[in-house]
Amino acid sequence: MLYELRTYHCVPGRLPALVKRFETTTMRLFEKHGIRQLGFWTVAIGESNQDLIYILQWESLAQREKCFAAFQSDPEWIEARRKSEADGPLVASIANSILTPTAFSAAK
């Protein structure tokens, strides 16, 4: 099992719109395309309170590539993203890491 840690650094003031887009559209499309999430977080105490952080679970890099390509080319996603960014972009930058569990990790 692989885990993908994604951190979206939002444009100031745009975090609520990003969270809404995930809640109302992105999650359903993730499910449609076989993208499984471990969890989503915002920052209560830390470096930036304008970040959305989440972890995805993958069986392999090949599965990730296939599922993400299908999601990103889905016409419903393209339209939802366009509409949600009508007043400007939501995300300033994205940090992304593919993680593998250690032998002693509770996550396997």
PDB file of N, CA and C in Angstrom:
ATOM      1  N   MET A   1       0.840  -1.178   0.000  1.00  0.00           N
ATOM      2  CA  MET A   1       0.000   0.000   0.000  1.00  0.00           C
ATOM      3  C   MET A   1       0.885   1.241   0.000  1.00  0.00           C
ATOM      4  N   LEU A   2       0.521   2.211  -0.812  1.00  0.00           N
ATOM      5  CA  LEU A   2       1.189   3.506  -0.855  1.00  0.00           C
ATOM      6  C   LEU A   2       0.225   4.562  -0.340  1.00  0.00           C
ATOM      7  N   TYR A   3       0.770   5.615   0.223  1.00  0.00           N
ATOM      8  CA  TYR A   3      -0.037   6.725   0.703  1.00  0.00           C
ATOM      9  C   TYR A   3       0.479   7.990   0.031  1.00  0.00           C
ATOM     10  N   GLU A   4      -0.436   8.840  -0.366  1.00  0.00           N
ATOM     11  CA  GLU A   4      -0.083  10.096  -1.004  1.00  0.00           C
ATOM     12  C   GLU A   4      -0.510  11.237  -0.095  1.00  0.00           C
ATOM     13  N   LEU A   5       0.450  11.992   0.366  1.00  0.00           N
ATOM     14  CA  LEU A   5       0.206  13.154   1.211  1.00  0.00           C
ATOM     15  C   LEU A   5       0.151  14.379   0.312  1.00  0.00           C
ATOM     16  N   ARG A   6      -0.986  15.062   0.319  1.00  0.00           N
ATOM     17  CA  ARG A   6      -1.169  16.243  -0.524  1.00  0.00           C
ATOM     18  C   ARG A   6      -1.516  17.435   0.365  1.00  0.00           C
ATOM     19  N   THR A   7      -0.811  18.527   0.159  1.00  0.00           N
ATOM     20  CA  THR A   7      -1.086  19.760   0.885  1.00  0.00           C
ATOM     21  C   THR A   7      -1.378  20.849  -0.128  1.00  0.00           C
ATOM     22  N   TYR A   8      -2.574  21.411  -0.026  1.00  0.00           N
ATOM     23  CA  TYR A   8      -2.975  22.514  -0.894  1.00  0.00           C
ATOM     24  C   TYR A   8      -2.797  23.803  -0.107  1.00  0.00           C
ATOM     25  N   HIS A   9      -1.899  24.650  -0.569  1.00  0.00           N
ATOM     26  CA  HIS A   9      -1.677  25.957   0.022  1.00  0.00           C
ATOM     27  C   HIS A   9      -2.605  26.928  -0.718  1.00  0.00           C
ATOM     28  N   CYS A  10      -3.644  27.370  -0.026  1.00  0.00           N
ATOM     29  CA  CYS A  10      -4.680  28.174  -0.679  1.00  0.00           C
ATOM     30  C   CYS A  10      -4.276  29.630  -0.836  1.00  0.00           C
ATOM     31  N   VAL A  11      -4.876  30.243  -1.843  1.00  0.00           N
ATOM     32  CA  VAL A  11      -4.810  31.687  -1.980  1.00  0.00           C
ATOM     33  C   VAL A  11      -5.489  32.249  -0.730  1.00  0.00           C
ATOM     34  N   PRO A  12      -4.932  33.279  -0.090  1.00  0.00           N
ATOM     35  CA  PRO A  12      -5.540  33.805   1.134  1.00  0.00           C
ATOM     36  C   PRO A  12      -7.045  34.064   0.986  1.00  0.00           C
ATOM     37  N   GLY A  13      -7.795  33.543   1.945  1.00  0.00           N
ATOM     38  CA  GLY A  13      -9.243  33.711   1.966  1.00  0.00           C
ATOM     39  C   GLY A  13     -10.028  32.713   1.130  1.00  0.00           C
ATOM     40  N   ARG A  14      -9.350  31.831   0.395  1.00  0.00           N
ATOM     41  CA  ARG A  14     -10.048  30.916  -0.530  1.00  0.00           C
ATOM     42  C   ARG A  14     -10.199  29.497   0.014  1.00  0.00           C
ATOM     43  N   LEU A  15      -9.672  29.227   1.218  1.00  0.00           N
ATOM     44  CA  LEU A  15      -9.800  27.885   1.796  1.00  0.00           C
ATOM     45  C   LEU A  15     -11.258  27.438   1.911  1.00  0.00           C
ATOM     46  N   PRO A  16     -12.189  28.265   2.388  1.00  0.00           N
ATOM     47  CA  PRO A  16     -13.585  27.799   2.469  1.00  0.00           C
ATOM     48  C   PRO A  16     -14.153  27.342   1.123  1.00  0.00           C
ATOM     49  N   ALA A  17     -13.815  28.033   0.055  1.00  0.00           N
ATOM     50  CA  ALA A  17     -14.293  27.634  -1.271  1.00  0.00           C
ATOM     51  C   ALA A  17     -13.679  26.309  -1.702  1.00  0.00           C
ATOM     52  N   LEU A  18     -12.416  26.083  -1.371  1.00  0.00           N
ATOM     53  CA  LEU A  18     -11.773  24.811  -1.715  1.00  0.00           C
ATOM     54  C   LEU A  18     -12.400  23.664  -0.931  1.00  0.00           C
ATOM     55  N   VAL A  19     -12.613  23.867   0.354  1.00  0.00           N
ATOM     56  CA  VAL A  19     -13.245  22.837   1.182  1.00  0.00           C
ATOM     57  C   VAL A  19     -14.637  22.520   0.639  1.00  0.00           C
ATOM     58  N   LYS A  20     -15.383  23.535   0.263  1.00  0.00           N
ATOM     59  CA  LYS A  20     -16.729  23.325  -0.296  1.00  0.00           C
ATOM     60  C   LYS A  20     -16.666  22.516  -1.588  1.00  0.00           C
ATOM     61  N   ARG A  21     -15.691  22.832  -2.457  1.00  0.00           N
ATOM     62  CA  ARG A  21     -15.564  22.094  -3.712  1.00  0.00           C
ATOM     63  C   ARG A  21     -15.274  20.617  -3.447  1.00  0.00           C
ATOM     64  N   PHE A  22     -14.385  20.331  -2.492  1.00  0.00           N
ATOM     65  CA  PHE A  22     -14.118  18.936  -2.141  1.00  0.00           C
ATOM     66  C   PHE A  22     -15.386  18.265  -1.610  1.00  0.00           C
ATOM     67  N   GLU A  23     -16.068  18.942  -0.705  1.00  0.00           N
ATOM     68  CA  GLU A  23     -17.243  18.353  -0.062  1.00  0.00           C
ATOM     69  C   GLU A  23     -18.392  18.099  -1.036  1.00  0.00           C
ATOM     70  N   THR A  24     -18.632  19.021  -1.944  1.00  0.00           N
ATOM     71  CA  THR A  24     -19.811  18.916  -2.807  1.00  0.00           C
ATOM     72  C   THR A  24     -19.556  18.228  -4.142  1.00  0.00           C
ATOM     73  N   THR A  25     -18.313  18.203  -4.597  1.00  0.00           N
ATOM     74  CA  THR A  25     -18.050  17.649  -5.933  1.00  0.00           C
ATOM     75  C   THR A  25     -16.888  16.665  -5.961  1.00  0.00           C
ATOM     76  N   THR A  26     -15.733  17.104  -5.489  1.00  0.00           N
ATOM     77  CA  THR A  26     -14.507  16.319  -5.662  1.00  0.00           C
ATOM     78  C   THR A  26     -14.614  14.940  -5.030  1.00  0.00           C
ATOM     79  N   MET A  27     -15.167  14.854  -3.816  1.00  0.00           N
ATOM     80  CA  MET A  27     -15.241  13.557  -3.140  1.00  0.00           C
ATOM     81  C   MET A  27     -16.068  12.548  -3.939  1.00  0.00           C
ATOM     82  N   ARG A  28     -17.183  13.003  -4.485  1.00  0.00           N
ATOM     83  CA  ARG A  28     -18.019  12.112  -5.293  1.00  0.00           C
ATOM     84  C   ARG A  28     -17.260  11.641  -6.534  1.00  0.00           C
ATOM     85  N   LEU A  29     -16.516  12.539  -7.156  1.00  0.00           N
ATOM     86  CA  LEU A  29     -15.744  12.170  -8.344  1.00  0.00           C
ATOM     87  C   LEU A  29     -14.554  11.292  -7.980  1.00  0.00           C
ATOM     88  N   PHE A  30     -13.948  11.520  -6.815  1.00  0.00           N
ATOM     89  CA  PHE A  30     -12.907  10.609  -6.347  1.00  0.00           C
ATOM     90  C   PHE A  30     -13.472   9.193  -6.258  1.00  0.00           C
ATOM     91  N   GLU A  31     -14.626   9.045  -5.637  1.00  0.00           N
ATOM     92  CA  GLU A  31     -15.257   7.716  -5.506  1.00  0.00           C
ATOM     93  C   GLU A  31     -15.541   7.115  -6.871  1.00  0.00           C
ATOM     94  N   LYS A  32     -16.063   7.912  -7.777  1.00  0.00           N
ATOM     95  CA  LYS A  32     -16.380   7.456  -9.138  1.00  0.00           C
ATOM     96  C   LYS A  32     -15.153   6.865  -9.829  1.00  0.00           C
ATOM     97  N   HIS A  33     -13.992   7.470  -9.569  1.00  0.00           N
ATOM     98  CA  HIS A  33     -12.762   7.050 -10.247  1.00  0.00           C
ATOM     99  C   HIS A  33     -11.864   6.149  -9.403  1.00  0.00           C
ATOM    100  N   GLY A  34     -12.390   5.647  -8.286  1.00  0.00           N
ATOM    101  CA  GLY A  34     -11.644   4.684  -7.472  1.00  0.00           C
ATOM    102  C   GLY A  34     -10.539   5.295  -6.632  1.00  0.00           C
ATOM    103  N   ILE A  35     -10.645   6.580  -6.326  1.00  0.00           N
ATOM    104  CA  ILE A  35      -9.644   7.259  -5.502  1.00  0.00           C
ATOM    105  C   ILE A  35     -10.108   7.189  -4.055  1.00  0.00           C
ATOM    106  N   ARG A  36      -9.309   6.504  -3.221  1.00  0.00           N
ATOM    107  CA  ARG A  36      -9.678   6.297  -1.810  1.00  0.00           C
ATOM    108  C   ARG A  36      -8.904   7.241  -0.912  1.00  0.00           C
ATOM    109  N   GLN A  37      -9.614   7.871  -0.005  1.00  0.00           N
ATOM    110  CA  GLN A  37      -8.976   8.798   0.924  1.00  0.00           C
ATOM    111  C   GLN A  37      -8.890   8.205   2.315  1.00  0.00           C
ATOM    112  N   LEU A  38      -7.816   8.574   3.001  1.00  0.00           N
ATOM    113  CA  LEU A  38      -7.623   8.179   4.397  1.00  0.00           C
ATOM    114  C   LEU A  38      -8.158   9.261   5.319  1.00  0.00           C
ATOM    115  N   GLY A  39      -8.046  10.525   4.917  1.00  0.00           N
ATOM    116  CA  GLY A  39      -8.555  11.617   5.731  1.00  0.00           C
ATOM    117  C   GLY A  39      -8.192  12.967   5.153  1.00  0.00           C
ATOM    118  N   PHE A  40      -8.910  13.986   5.647  1.00  0.00           N
ATOM    119  CA  PHE A  40      -8.711  15.385   5.262  1.00  0.00           C
ATOM    120  C   PHE A  40      -8.580  16.214   6.523  1.00  0.00           C
ATOM    121  N   TRP A  41      -7.712  17.224   6.471  1.00  0.00           N
ATOM    122  CA  TRP A  41      -7.489  18.087   7.619  1.00  0.00           C
ATOM    123  C   TRP A  41      -7.275  19.528   7.185  1.00  0.00           C
ATOM    124  N   THR A  42      -7.652  20.441   8.062  1.00  0.00           N
ATOM    125  CA  THR A  42      -7.220  21.829   7.972  1.00  0.00           C
ATOM    126  C   THR A  42      -6.339  22.078   9.195  1.00  0.00           C
ATOM    127  N   VAL A  43      -5.613  23.170   9.189  1.00  0.00           N
ATOM    128  CA  VAL A  43      -4.642  23.450  10.249  1.00  0.00           C
ATOM    129  C   VAL A  43      -5.282  24.311  11.335  1.00  0.00           C
ATOM    130  N   ALA A  44      -5.357  23.771  12.551  1.00  0.00           N
ATOM    131  CA  ALA A  44      -5.857  24.533  13.696  1.00  0.00           C
ATOM    132  C   ALA A  44      -4.726  25.315  14.345  1.00  0.00           C
ATOM    133  N   ILE A  45      -3.590  24.674  14.501  1.00  0.00           N
ATOM    134  CA  ILE A  45      -2.398  25.318  15.065  1.00  0.00           C
ATOM    135  C   ILE A  45      -1.225  24.864  14.208  1.00  0.00           C
ATOM    136  N   GLY A  46      -0.489  25.810  13.677  1.00  0.00           N
ATOM    137  CA  GLY A  46       0.649  25.442  12.839  1.00  0.00           C
ATOM    138  C   GLY A  46       1.074  26.579  11.948  1.00  0.00           C
ATOM    139  N   GLU A  47       1.840  26.231  10.958  1.00  0.00           N
ATOM    140  CA  GLU A  47       2.478  27.222  10.104  1.00  0.00           C
ATOM    141  C   GLU A  47       1.476  28.045   9.295  1.00  0.00           C
ATOM    142  N   SER A  48       0.441  27.424   8.756  1.00  0.00           N
ATOM    143  CA  SER A  48      -0.518  28.151   7.925  1.00  0.00           C
ATOM    144  C   SER A  48      -1.925  27.628   8.155  1.00  0.00           C
ATOM    145  N   ASN A  49      -2.853  28.547   8.373  1.00  0.00           N
ATOM    146  CA  ASN A  49      -4.249  28.141   8.505  1.00  0.00           C
ATOM    147  C   ASN A  49      -4.975  28.266   7.165  1.00  0.00           C
ATOM    148  N   GLN A  50      -4.215  28.344   6.084  1.00  0.00           N
ATOM    149  CA  GLN A  50      -4.783  28.413   4.736  1.00  0.00           C
ATOM    150  C   GLN A  50      -4.477  27.146   3.939  1.00  0.00           C
ATOM    151  N   ASP A  51      -4.226  26.038   4.644  1.00  0.00           N
ATOM    152  CA  ASP A  51      -3.874  24.780   3.984  1.00  0.00           C
ATOM    153  C   ASP A  51      -4.975  23.746   4.154  1.00  0.00           C
ATOM    154  N   LEU A  52      -5.166  22.951   3.118  1.00  0.00           N
ATOM    155  CA  LEU A  52      -5.984  21.743   3.177  1.00  0.00           C
ATOM    156  C   LEU A  52      -5.026  20.579   2.945  1.00  0.00           C
ATOM    157  N   ILE A  53      -5.030  19.636   3.874  1.00  0.00           N
ATOM    158  CA  ILE A  53      -4.111  18.501   3.820  1.00  0.00           C
ATOM    159  C   ILE A  53      -4.933  17.228   3.755  1.00  0.00           C
ATOM    160  N   TYR A  54      -4.543  16.315   2.866  1.00  0.00           N
ATOM    161  CA  TYR A  54      -5.243  15.031   2.819  1.00  0.00           C
ATOM    162  C   TYR A  54      -4.312  13.917   2.400  1.00  0.00           C
ATOM    163  N   ILE A  55      -4.751  12.696   2.703  1.00  0.00           N
ATOM    164  CA  ILE A  55      -3.971  11.502   2.369  1.00  0.00           C
ATOM    165  C   ILE A  55      -4.850  10.564   1.547  1.00  0.00           C
ATOM    166  N   LEU A  56      -4.296  10.106   0.440  1.00  0.00           N
ATOM    167  CA  LEU A  56      -4.957   9.126  -0.423  1.00  0.00           C
ATOM    168  C   LEU A  56      -4.243   7.789  -0.284  1.00  0.00           C
ATOM    169  N   GLN A  57      -4.980   6.705  -0.513  1.00  0.00           N
ATOM    170  CA  GLN A  57      -4.426   5.347  -0.439  1.00  0.00           C
ATOM    171  C   GLN A  57      -4.393   4.737  -1.834  1.00  0.00           C
ATOM    172  N   TRP A  58      -3.274   4.097  -2.160  1.00  0.00           N
ATOM    173  CA  TRP A  58      -3.105   3.469  -3.473  1.00  0.00           C
ATOM    174  C   TRP A  58      -2.522   2.071  -3.312  1.00  0.00           C
ATOM    175  N   GLU A  59      -2.953   1.172  -4.164  1.00  0.00           N
ATOM    176  CA  GLU A  59      -2.373  -0.171  -4.227  1.00  0.00           C
ATOM    177  C   GLU A  59      -1.010  -0.129  -4.915  1.00  0.00           C
ATOM    178  N   SER A  60      -0.861   0.799  -5.879  1.00  0.00           N
ATOM    179  CA  SER A  60       0.385   0.889  -6.651  1.00  0.00           C
ATOM    180  C   SER A  60       0.454   2.252  -7.339  1.00  0.00           C
ATOM    181  N   LEU A  61       1.630   2.583  -7.840  1.00  0.00           N
ATOM    182  CA  LEU A  61       1.770   3.813  -8.618  1.00  0.00           C
ATOM    183  C   LEU A  61       0.979   3.729  -9.920  1.00  0.00           C
ATOM    184  N   ALA A  62       0.885   2.542 -10.485  1.00  0.00           N
ATOM    185  CA  ALA A  62       0.114   2.360 -11.715  1.00  0.00           C
ATOM    186  C   ALA A  62      -1.369   2.663 -11.474  1.00  0.00           C
ATOM    187  N   GLN A  63      -1.903   2.197 -10.335  1.00  0.00           N
ATOM    188  CA  GLN A  63      -3.290   2.499  -9.998  1.00  0.00           C
ATOM    189  C   GLN A  63      -3.485   4.004  -9.841  1.00  0.00           C
ATOM    190  N   ARG A  64      -2.545   4.665  -9.160  1.00  0.00           N
ATOM    191  CA  ARG A  64      -2.633   6.109  -8.977  1.00  0.00           C
ATOM    192  C   ARG A  64      -2.675   6.823 -10.317  1.00  0.00           C
ATOM    193  N   GLU A  65      -1.761   6.454 -11.182  1.00  0.00           N
ATOM    194  CA  GLU A  65      -1.674   7.089 -12.494  1.00  0.00           C
ATOM    195  C   GLU A  65      -2.982   6.930 -13.271  1.00  0.00           C
ATOM    196  N   LYS A  66      -3.522   5.722 -13.270  1.00  0.00           N
ATOM    197  CA  LYS A  66      -4.753   5.434 -14.006  1.00  0.00           C
ATOM    198  C   LYS A  66      -5.942   6.212 -13.426  1.00  0.00           C
ATOM    199  N   CYS A  67      -6.124   6.153 -12.123  1.00  0.00           N
ATOM    200  CA  CYS A  67      -7.279   6.794 -11.475  1.00  0.00           C
ATOM    201  C   CYS A  67      -7.204   8.310 -11.568  1.00  0.00           C
ATOM    202  N   PHE A  68      -6.021   8.875 -11.329  1.00  0.00           N
ATOM    203  CA  PHE A  68      -5.885  10.328 -11.365  1.00  0.00           C
ATOM    204  C   PHE A  68      -6.068  10.859 -12.780  1.00  0.00           C
ATOM    205  N   ALA A  69      -5.570  10.128 -13.770  1.00  0.00           N
ATOM    206  CA  ALA A  69      -5.749  10.561 -15.164  1.00  0.00           C
ATOM    207  C   ALA A  69      -7.230  10.586 -15.525  1.00  0.00           C
ATOM    208  N   ALA A  70      -7.971   9.565 -15.115  1.00  0.00           N
ATOM    209  CA  ALA A  70      -9.406   9.522 -15.396  1.00  0.00           C
ATOM    210  C   ALA A  70     -10.136  10.659 -14.693  1.00  0.00           C
ATOM    211  N   PHE A  71      -9.778  10.905 -13.438  1.00  0.00           N
ATOM    212  CA  PHE A  71     -10.396  11.994 -12.682  1.00  0.00           C
ATOM    213  C   PHE A  71     -10.117  13.342 -13.335  1.00  0.00           C
ATOM    214  N   GLN A  72      -8.859  13.617 -13.649  1.00  0.00           N
ATOM    215  CA  GLN A  72      -8.487  14.925 -14.179  1.00  0.00           C
ATOM    216  C   GLN A  72      -9.065  15.206 -15.561  1.00  0.00           C
ATOM    217  N   SER A  73      -9.390  14.164 -16.314  1.00  0.00           N
ATOM    218  CA  SER A  73      -9.969  14.363 -17.642  1.00  0.00           C
ATOM    219  C   SER A  73     -11.493  14.263 -17.640  1.00  0.00           C
ATOM    220  N   ASP A  74     -12.102  14.021 -16.485  1.00  0.00           N
ATOM    221  CA  ASP A  74     -13.559  13.909 -16.377  1.00  0.00           C
ATOM    222  C   ASP A  74     -14.194  15.275 -16.670  1.00  0.00           C
ATOM    223  N   PRO A  75     -15.090  15.358 -17.659  1.00  0.00           N
ATOM    224  CA  PRO A  75     -15.721  16.639 -17.999  1.00  0.00           C
ATOM    225  C   PRO A  75     -16.445  17.290 -16.809  1.00  0.00           C
ATOM    226  N   GLU A  76     -17.014  16.489 -15.924  1.00  0.00           N
ATOM    227  CA  GLU A  76     -17.689  17.058 -14.753  1.00  0.00           C
ATOM    228  C   GLU A  76     -16.679  17.752 -13.836  1.00  0.00           C
ATOM    229  N   TRP A  77     -15.494  17.157 -13.652  1.00  0.00           N
ATOM    230  CA  TRP A  77     -14.453  17.780 -12.841  1.00  0.00           C
ATOM    231  C   TRP A  77     -13.958  19.076 -13.489  1.00  0.00           C
ATOM    232  N   ILE A  78     -13.718  19.027 -14.776  1.00  0.00           N
ATOM    233  CA  ILE A  78     -13.221  20.205 -15.494  1.00  0.00           C
ATOM    234  C   ILE A  78     -14.197  21.362 -15.338  1.00  0.00           C
ATOM    235  N   GLU A  79     -15.486  21.099 -15.478  1.00  0.00           N
ATOM    236  CA  GLU A  79     -16.507  22.138 -15.343  1.00  0.00           C
ATOM    237  C   GLU A  79     -16.630  22.626 -13.899  1.00  0.00           C
ATOM    238  N   ALA A  80     -16.608  21.704 -12.939  1.00  0.00           N
ATOM    239  CA  ALA A  80     -16.703  22.091 -11.523  1.00  0.00           C
ATOM    240  C   ALA A  80     -15.514  22.964 -11.136  1.00  0.00           C
ATOM    241  N   ARG A  81     -14.340  22.606 -11.596  1.00  0.00           N
ATOM    242  CA  ARG A  81     -13.151  23.412 -11.287  1.00  0.00           C
ATOM    243  C   ARG A  81     -13.261  24.790 -11.905  1.00  0.00           C
ATOM    244  N   ARG A  82     -13.700  24.845 -13.157  1.00  0.00           N
ATOM    245  CA  ARG A  82     -13.852  26.131 -13.844  1.00  0.00           C
ATOM    246  C   ARG A  82     -14.822  27.031 -13.082  1.00  0.00           C
ATOM    247  N   LYS A  83     -15.968  26.494 -12.700  1.00  0.00           N
ATOM    248  CA  LYS A  83     -16.976  27.283 -11.983  1.00  0.00           C
ATOM    249  C   LYS A  83     -16.456  27.748 -10.624  1.00  0.00           C
ATOM    250  N   SER A  84     -15.766  26.862  -9.910  1.00  0.00           N
ATOM    251  CA  SER A  84     -15.296  27.220  -8.568  1.00  0.00           C
ATOM    252  C   SER A  84     -14.178  28.264  -8.610  1.00  0.00           C
ATOM    253  N   GLU A  85     -13.537  28.411  -9.747  1.00  0.00           N
ATOM    254  CA  GLU A  85     -12.447  29.366  -9.882  1.00  0.00           C
ATOM    255  C   GLU A  85     -12.842  30.583 -10.724  1.00  0.00           C
ATOM    256  N   ALA A  86     -14.145  30.796 -10.882  1.00  0.00           N
ATOM    257  CA  ALA A  86     -14.624  31.934 -11.671  1.00  0.00           C
ATOM    258  C   ALA A  86     -14.139  33.265 -11.093  1.00  0.00           C
ATOM    259  N   ASP A  87     -13.985  33.336  -9.770  1.00  0.00           N
ATOM    260  CA  ASP A  87     -13.515  34.560  -9.116  1.00  0.00           C
ATOM    261  C   ASP A  87     -12.008  34.537  -8.851  1.00  0.00           C
ATOM    262  N   GLY A  88     -11.318  33.601  -9.458  1.00  0.00           N
ATOM    263  CA  GLY A  88      -9.877  33.485  -9.285  1.00  0.00           C
ATOM    264  C   GLY A  88      -9.501  32.124  -8.735  1.00  0.00           C
ATOM    265  N   PRO A  89      -8.225  31.787  -8.802  1.00  0.00           N
ATOM    266  CA  PRO A  89      -7.777  30.470  -8.336  1.00  0.00           C
ATOM    267  C   PRO A  89      -7.982  30.292  -6.838  1.00  0.00           C
ATOM    268  N   LEU A  90      -8.167  29.043  -6.439  1.00  0.00           N
ATOM    269  CA  LEU A  90      -8.324  28.686  -5.029  1.00  0.00           C
ATOM    270  C   LEU A  90      -6.988  28.293  -4.420  1.00  0.00           C
ATOM    271  N   VAL A  91      -6.133  27.673  -5.213  1.00  0.00           N
ATOM    272  CA  VAL A  91      -4.893  27.084  -4.716  1.00  0.00           C
ATOM    273  C   VAL A  91      -3.698  27.842  -5.276  1.00  0.00           C
ATOM    274  N   ALA A  92      -2.802  28.264  -4.368  1.00  0.00           N
ATOM    275  CA  ALA A  92      -1.575  28.945  -4.784  1.00  0.00           C
ATOM    276  C   ALA A  92      -0.511  27.934  -5.193  1.00  0.00           C
ATOM    277  N   SER A  93      -0.417  26.811  -4.432  1.00  0.00           N
ATOM    278  CA  SER A  93       0.553  25.770  -4.756  1.00  0.00           C
ATOM    279  C   SER A  93       0.139  24.473  -4.075  1.00  0.00           C
ATOM    280  N   ILE A  94       0.712  23.381  -4.565  1.00  0.00           N
ATOM    281  CA  ILE A  94       0.426  22.051  -4.024  1.00  0.00           C
ATOM    282  C   ILE A  94       1.749  21.374  -3.705  1.00  0.00           C
ATOM    283  N   ALA A  95       1.825  20.796  -2.507  1.00  0.00           N
ATOM    284  CA  ALA A  95       2.963  19.946  -2.135  1.00  0.00           C
ATOM    285  C   ALA A  95       2.464  18.508  -2.131  1.00  0.00           C
ATOM    286  N   ASN A  96       3.257  17.613  -2.678  1.00  0.00           N
ATOM    287  CA  ASN A  96       2.809  16.239  -2.871  1.00  0.00           C
ATOM    288  C   ASN A  96       3.947  15.275  -2.559  1.00  0.00           C
ATOM    289  N   SER A  97       3.644  14.234  -1.777  1.00  0.00           N
ATOM    290  CA  SER A  97       4.632  13.194  -1.469  1.00  0.00           C
ATOM    291  C   SER A  97       3.973  11.834  -1.550  1.00  0.00           C
ATOM    292  N   ILE A  98       4.674  10.851  -2.110  1.00  0.00           N
ATOM    293  CA  ILE A  98       4.234   9.458  -2.088  1.00  0.00           C
ATOM    294  C   ILE A  98       4.988   8.794  -0.944  1.00  0.00           C
ATOM    295  N   LEU A  99       4.258   8.202  -0.016  1.00  0.00           N
ATOM    296  CA  LEU A  99       4.838   7.624   1.193  1.00  0.00           C
ATOM    297  C   LEU A  99       4.682   6.108   1.199  1.00  0.00           C
ATOM    298  N   THR A 100       5.685   5.426   1.711  1.00  0.00           N
ATOM    299  CA  THR A 100       5.589   3.990   1.939  1.00  0.00           C
ATOM    300  C   THR A 100       5.752   3.742   3.428  1.00  0.00           C
ATOM    301  N   PRO A 101       4.923   2.864   3.995  1.00  0.00           N
ATOM    302  CA  PRO A 101       4.996   2.634   5.433  1.00  0.00           C
ATOM    303  C   PRO A 101       6.274   1.899   5.826  1.00  0.00           C
ATOM    304  N   THR A 102       6.769   2.195   6.998  1.00  0.00           N
ATOM    305  CA  THR A 102       7.907   1.479   7.560  1.00  0.00           C
ATOM    306  C   THR A 102       7.418   0.137   8.088  1.00  0.00           C
ATOM    307  N   ALA A 103       8.339  -0.730   8.418  1.00  0.00           N
ATOM    308  CA  ALA A 103       7.987  -2.059   8.955  1.00  0.00           C
ATOM    309  C   ALA A 103       7.220  -1.968  10.271  1.00  0.00           C
ATOM    310  N   PHE A 104       7.421  -0.899  11.038  1.00  0.00           N
ATOM    311  CA  PHE A 104       6.779  -0.768  12.351  1.00  0.00           C
ATOM    312  C   PHE A 104       5.579   0.168  12.328  1.00  0.00           C
ATOM    313  N   SER A 105       5.155   0.606  11.142  1.00  0.00           N
ATOM    314  CA  SER A 105       4.009   1.518  11.022  1.00  0.00           C
ATOM    315  C   SER A 105       2.691   0.783  11.286  1.00  0.00           C
ATOM    316  N   ALA A 106       1.753   1.468  11.954  1.00  0.00           N
ATOM    317  CA  ALA A 106       0.407   0.914  12.122  1.00  0.00           C
ATOM    318  C   ALA A 106      -0.302   0.835  10.766  1.00  0.00           C
ATOM    319  N   ALA A 107       0.019   1.746   9.856  1.00  0.00           N
ATOM    320  CA  ALA A 107      -0.498   1.698   8.501  1.00  0.00           C
ATOM    321  C   ALA A 107       0.392   0.763   7.687  1.00  0.00           C
ATOM    322  N   LYS A 108      -0.202  -0.162   7.012  1.00  0.00           N
ATOM    323  CA  LYS A 108       0.566  -1.135   6.211  1.00  0.00           C
ATOM    324  C   LYS A 108       0.271  -0.967   4.745  1.00  0.00           C
TER     325      LYS A 108
END
